């Protein structure tokens, strides 16, 4: 298990060895410092708390400063806990080179906020017809529930409301490039949040299946085609 805190720089594109365009997201990852280490004996579980991004001491509370001073760490703006390797100790530095090209990661961030949105923008609902008495409500939700029974709207019904600013995790993105000098991790595809938004990168929870061969070509001799297996009837009848 590997993890790091970073910021979304933005999206770009690079070319692979075959000349194909790869859409990528650049993440400024770390450096992060280990602020606290939790153990099974003392806390009931094993975890490591990482701190990211320096901040003036005046912007932190006395409780936050006491927590950081106990670890002997300079003031940090963001603190997050991860289920990391127990070999890390308080004061250790986690850098971008923790990850390597080809690693598969899950990226978590806060999605962009869209304010108060209607059902069309928020849920992809259809517009109502604009004739035969619909009136000036063609972007409204329309009729929602029945009358006497159940006389209410069930929970989960789509409707207008606050859109965005939710925690979103994009799973199983592969790392395309790592630059430890620039604290940069480049992953294939998009990640949640605006430019400058806080993200966490960790080893993916998905099971990575290795490719066993080219698609459409069986390695089972019993399933070989008649062109390569003369024992098949289709080959003998030719």
Protein backbone atom coordinates (compact mmCIF):
# COMPACT_ATOMS: atom_id res chain seq x y z
CA UNK A 1 0.00 0.00 0.00
CA UNK A 2 1.37 3.40 -1.07
CA UNK A 3 -0.27 6.81 -0.77
CA UNK A 4 0.47 10.52 -1.05
CA UNK A 5 -1.37 13.85 -0.90
CA UNK A 6 -1.18 16.31 -3.77
CA UNK A 7 -2.80 19.01 -5.85
CA UNK A 8 -4.38 18.76 -9.27
CA UNK A 9 -2.38 20.96 -11.63
CA UNK A 10 -4.51 20.36 -14.72
CA UNK A 11 -4.93 18.20 -17.80
CA UNK A 12 -2.63 17.81 -20.77
CA UNK A 13 -1.73 15.22 -23.37
CA UNK A 14 1.38 13.27 -24.25
CA UNK A 15 2.32 10.87 -27.02
CA UNK A 16 3.31 7.24 -26.48
CA UNK A 17 5.94 5.31 -28.41
CA UNK A 18 3.37 4.48 -31.13
CA UNK A 19 2.50 8.15 -31.60
CA UNK A 20 -0.93 7.83 -30.01
CA UNK A 21 -2.27 10.70 -27.91
CA UNK A 22 -2.78 9.95 -24.20
CA UNK A 23 -4.96 12.36 -22.18
CA UNK A 24 -3.30 12.82 -18.80
CA UNK A 25 -3.74 14.72 -15.54
CA UNK A 26 -0.72 16.29 -13.86
CA UNK A 27 -0.66 16.06 -10.06
CA UNK A 28 1.76 17.91 -7.80
CA UNK A 29 2.31 15.13 -5.26
CA UNK A 30 4.05 15.82 -1.98
CA UNK A 31 6.43 16.04 -0.41
CA UNK A 32 4.47 14.77 2.58
CA UNK A 33 5.77 14.24 6.10
CA UNK A 34 4.65 11.56 8.54
CA UNK A 35 2.95 13.44 11.40
CA UNK A 36 1.57 10.51 13.39
CA UNK A 37 1.88 6.74 13.45
CA UNK A 38 -0.93 4.62 14.88
CA UNK A 39 -0.40 1.06 16.06
CA UNK A 40 -2.65 -1.86 16.86
CA UNK A 41 -1.39 -2.00 20.45
CA UNK A 42 -2.15 1.64 21.23
CA UNK A 43 -4.93 2.67 18.84
CA UNK A 44 -6.49 -0.63 17.80
CA UNK A 45 -5.45 -0.32 14.17
CA UNK A 46 -2.36 0.50 12.12
CA UNK A 47 -2.21 3.69 10.08
CA UNK A 48 0.00 6.63 9.19
CA UNK A 49 -1.04 10.30 9.15
CA UNK A 50 0.58 12.44 6.44
CA UNK A 51 0.89 16.23 6.38
CA UNK A 52 1.02 18.26 3.17
CA UNK A 53 1.67 21.90 2.23
CA UNK A 54 3.35 24.37 4.57
CA UNK A 55 1.17 27.04 6.13
CA UNK A 56 1.87 30.00 8.47
CA UNK A 57 1.51 29.10 12.13
CA UNK A 58 -0.99 31.92 12.69
CA UNK A 59 -3.50 30.11 10.45
CA UNK A 60 -3.67 27.04 12.69
CA UNK A 61 -5.41 26.54 16.02
CA UNK A 62 -3.53 25.83 19.23
CA UNK A 63 -4.73 22.25 19.15
CA UNK A 64 -3.43 21.74 15.61
CA UNK A 65 -0.08 23.31 16.49
CA UNK A 66 0.21 21.16 19.59
CA UNK A 67 -0.36 18.06 17.49
CA UNK A 68 2.32 19.11 14.98
CA UNK A 69 4.80 20.27 17.65
CA UNK A 70 4.54 16.90 19.36
CA UNK A 71 5.73 15.29 16.13
CA UNK A 72 8.40 17.96 15.59
CA UNK A 73 6.89 18.89 12.22
CA UNK A 74 6.53 22.34 10.69
CA UNK A 75 2.95 23.67 10.30
CA UNK A 76 0.99 21.76 7.65
CA UNK A 77 -2.28 22.75 6.04
CA UNK A 78 -3.62 19.29 5.22
CA UNK A 79 -3.56 16.13 7.35
CA UNK A 80 -4.85 12.79 6.11
CA UNK A 81 -4.62 9.25 7.41
CA UNK A 82 -3.71 6.22 5.29
CA UNK A 83 -3.32 2.50 5.81
CA UNK A 84 0.38 2.49 4.90
CA UNK A 85 3.45 0.37 5.48
CA UNK A 86 4.36 0.11 9.16
CA UNK A 87 8.02 0.82 8.32
CA UNK A 88 7.28 4.56 8.10
CA UNK A 89 8.06 6.58 11.23
CA UNK A 90 7.21 10.09 12.42
CA UNK A 91 9.28 12.64 10.51
CA UNK A 92 9.82 10.48 7.40
CA UNK A 93 9.26 12.16 4.04
CA UNK A 94 7.04 10.64 1.35
CA UNK A 95 7.83 11.93 -2.15
CA UNK A 96 6.43 11.45 -5.63
CA UNK A 97 8.98 8.75 -6.43
CA UNK A 98 7.06 6.49 -4.04
CA UNK A 99 5.11 5.62 -7.17
CA UNK A 100 6.62 4.42 -10.43
CA UNK A 101 5.59 4.37 -14.05
CA UNK A 102 3.10 1.57 -14.65
CA UNK A 103 1.57 1.61 -11.16
CA UNK A 104 -2.22 1.52 -10.87
CA UNK A 105 -3.73 4.07 -8.47
CA UNK A 106 -7.03 5.37 -7.11
CA UNK A 107 -7.35 9.16 -7.07
CA UNK A 108 -9.80 10.80 -4.65
CA UNK A 109 -10.86 14.46 -4.76
CA UNK A 110 -13.77 16.84 -4.25
CA UNK A 111 -15.77 17.35 -7.44
CA UNK A 112 -16.37 20.79 -8.91
CA UNK A 113 -19.29 22.72 -7.45
CA UNK A 114 -22.15 23.72 -9.76
CA UNK A 115 -24.35 25.51 -7.24
CA UNK A 116 -28.12 24.99 -7.16
CA UNK A 117 -29.02 23.06 -10.30
CA UNK A 118 -32.25 21.78 -11.82
CA UNK A 119 -33.14 18.21 -12.74
CA UNK A 120 -31.97 18.57 -16.34
CA UNK A 121 -28.44 19.63 -15.45
CA UNK A 122 -28.20 17.63 -12.22
CA UNK A 123 -29.75 14.31 -13.29
CA UNK A 124 -29.98 14.47 -17.07
CA UNK A 125 -33.79 14.63 -17.09
CA UNK A 126 -35.73 15.38 -20.28
CA UNK A 127 -37.41 18.68 -21.03
CA UNK A 128 -41.20 18.74 -20.95
CA UNK A 129 -43.17 19.44 -24.10
CA UNK A 130 -43.52 23.13 -24.91
CA UNK A 131 -47.02 22.94 -26.35
CA UNK A 132 -50.54 21.97 -25.28
CA UNK A 133 -50.62 23.78 -21.99
CA UNK A 134 -47.20 22.96 -20.56
CA UNK A 135 -46.59 26.65 -19.93
CA UNK A 136 -43.29 28.18 -18.84
CA UNK A 137 -42.20 25.10 -16.89
CA UNK A 138 -40.54 22.99 -19.59
CA UNK A 139 -37.36 22.58 -17.48
CA UNK A 140 -39.21 21.61 -14.29
CA UNK A 141 -39.32 18.12 -12.83
CA UNK A 142 -42.99 17.60 -13.60
CA UNK A 143 -45.40 15.39 -11.69
CA UNK A 144 -43.66 13.28 -9.05
CA UNK A 145 -46.04 11.23 -6.96
CA UNK A 146 -49.50 9.79 -6.64
CA UNK A 147 -52.33 11.20 -4.56
CA UNK A 148 -53.95 9.23 -1.74
CA UNK A 149 -51.46 6.38 -1.63
CA UNK A 150 -48.61 6.76 -0.72
CA UNK A 151 -49.27 10.52 -0.44
CA UNK A 152 -45.57 11.30 -0.36
CA UNK A 153 -42.37 11.27 -2.40
CA UNK A 154 -40.04 8.34 -1.82
CA UNK A 155 -36.48 9.04 -0.77
CA UNK A 156 -34.00 9.14 -3.63
CA UNK A 157 -36.36 10.77 -6.14
CA UNK A 158 -34.43 13.02 -8.48
CA UNK A 159 -34.97 16.72 -8.04
CA UNK A 160 -33.33 20.11 -8.11
CA UNK A 161 -30.70 20.84 -5.49
CA UNK A 162 -27.06 21.41 -4.68
CA UNK A 163 -24.83 19.88 -7.36
CA UNK A 164 -21.19 18.89 -6.98
CA UNK A 165 -18.76 19.31 -4.07
CA UNK A 166 -18.92 15.56 -3.40
CA UNK A 167 -16.04 13.21 -2.66
CA UNK A 168 -15.34 11.25 -5.82
CA UNK A 169 -12.83 8.42 -6.38
CA UNK A 170 -11.62 7.46 -9.83
CA UNK A 171 -10.25 3.94 -9.63
CA UNK A 172 -7.53 2.02 -11.44
CA UNK A 173 -5.74 4.85 -13.27
CA UNK A 174 -2.26 3.97 -14.47
CA UNK A 175 0.73 6.18 -13.78
CA UNK A 176 2.26 7.38 -17.05
CA UNK A 177 5.18 9.40 -15.72
CA UNK A 178 6.86 10.34 -12.43
CA UNK A 179 9.24 13.30 -11.95
CA UNK A 180 10.60 13.42 -8.37
CA UNK A 181 12.44 16.71 -8.99
CA UNK A 182 9.20 18.51 -9.85
CA UNK A 183 7.11 16.47 -7.36
CA UNK A 184 5.01 15.44 -10.34
CA UNK A 185 2.87 12.38 -10.98
CA UNK A 186 1.14 12.07 -14.35
CA UNK A 187 -1.83 9.69 -14.57
CA UNK A 188 -3.85 8.61 -17.57
CA UNK A 189 -7.33 10.14 -17.73
CA UNK A 190 -9.22 12.70 -15.67
CA UNK A 191 -9.42 13.09 -11.89
CA UNK A 192 -12.11 14.89 -9.86
CA UNK A 193 -11.90 18.50 -8.76
CA UNK A 194 -10.83 21.88 -10.12
CA UNK A 195 -7.30 23.02 -10.86
CA UNK A 196 -5.50 23.43 -7.55
CA UNK A 197 -7.91 21.06 -5.80
CA UNK A 198 -6.61 18.69 -3.15
CA UNK A 199 -6.37 15.03 -4.20
CA UNK A 200 -5.07 11.84 -2.64
CA UNK A 201 -3.29 9.18 -4.67
CA UNK A 202 -3.12 5.63 -3.33
CA UNK A 203 -2.50 2.11 -4.58
CA UNK A 204 -5.62 0.86 -6.32
CA UNK A 205 -8.09 -1.44 -4.59
CA UNK A 206 -8.88 -3.11 -7.91
CA UNK A 207 -7.48 -6.49 -8.86
CA UNK A 208 -5.14 -6.06 -11.81
CA UNK A 209 -5.50 -8.88 -14.32
CA UNK A 210 -2.47 -9.60 -16.43
CA UNK A 211 -2.99 -9.97 -20.15
CA UNK A 212 -2.55 -13.63 -21.07
CA UNK A 213 -2.26 -13.26 -24.84
CA UNK A 214 -3.55 -11.52 -27.92
CA UNK A 215 -7.28 -11.23 -28.21
CA UNK A 216 -8.96 -13.86 -30.37
CA UNK A 217 -6.05 -16.34 -30.26
CA UNK A 218 -6.60 -19.35 -28.02
CA UNK A 219 -3.65 -21.10 -26.39
CA UNK A 220 -5.74 -24.24 -25.83
CA UNK A 221 -4.76 -26.86 -28.45
CA UNK A 222 -8.24 -28.41 -28.20
CA UNK A 223 -9.77 -25.15 -29.41
CA UNK A 224 -7.34 -24.45 -32.21
CA UNK A 225 -8.86 -23.67 -35.58
CA UNK A 226 -8.94 -26.20 -38.45
CA UNK A 227 -6.21 -24.28 -40.21
CA UNK A 228 -3.67 -25.22 -37.56
CA UNK A 229 -5.25 -28.43 -36.21
CA UNK A 230 -5.44 -31.14 -38.93
CA UNK A 231 -7.28 -33.50 -36.52
CA UNK A 232 -10.46 -31.46 -36.74
CA UNK A 233 -13.15 -32.72 -39.08
CA UNK A 234 -13.43 -29.39 -40.81
CA UNK A 235 -9.80 -29.72 -41.86
CA UNK A 236 -10.09 -33.34 -43.08
CA UNK A 237 -13.12 -32.58 -45.24
CA UNK A 238 -11.28 -30.00 -47.28
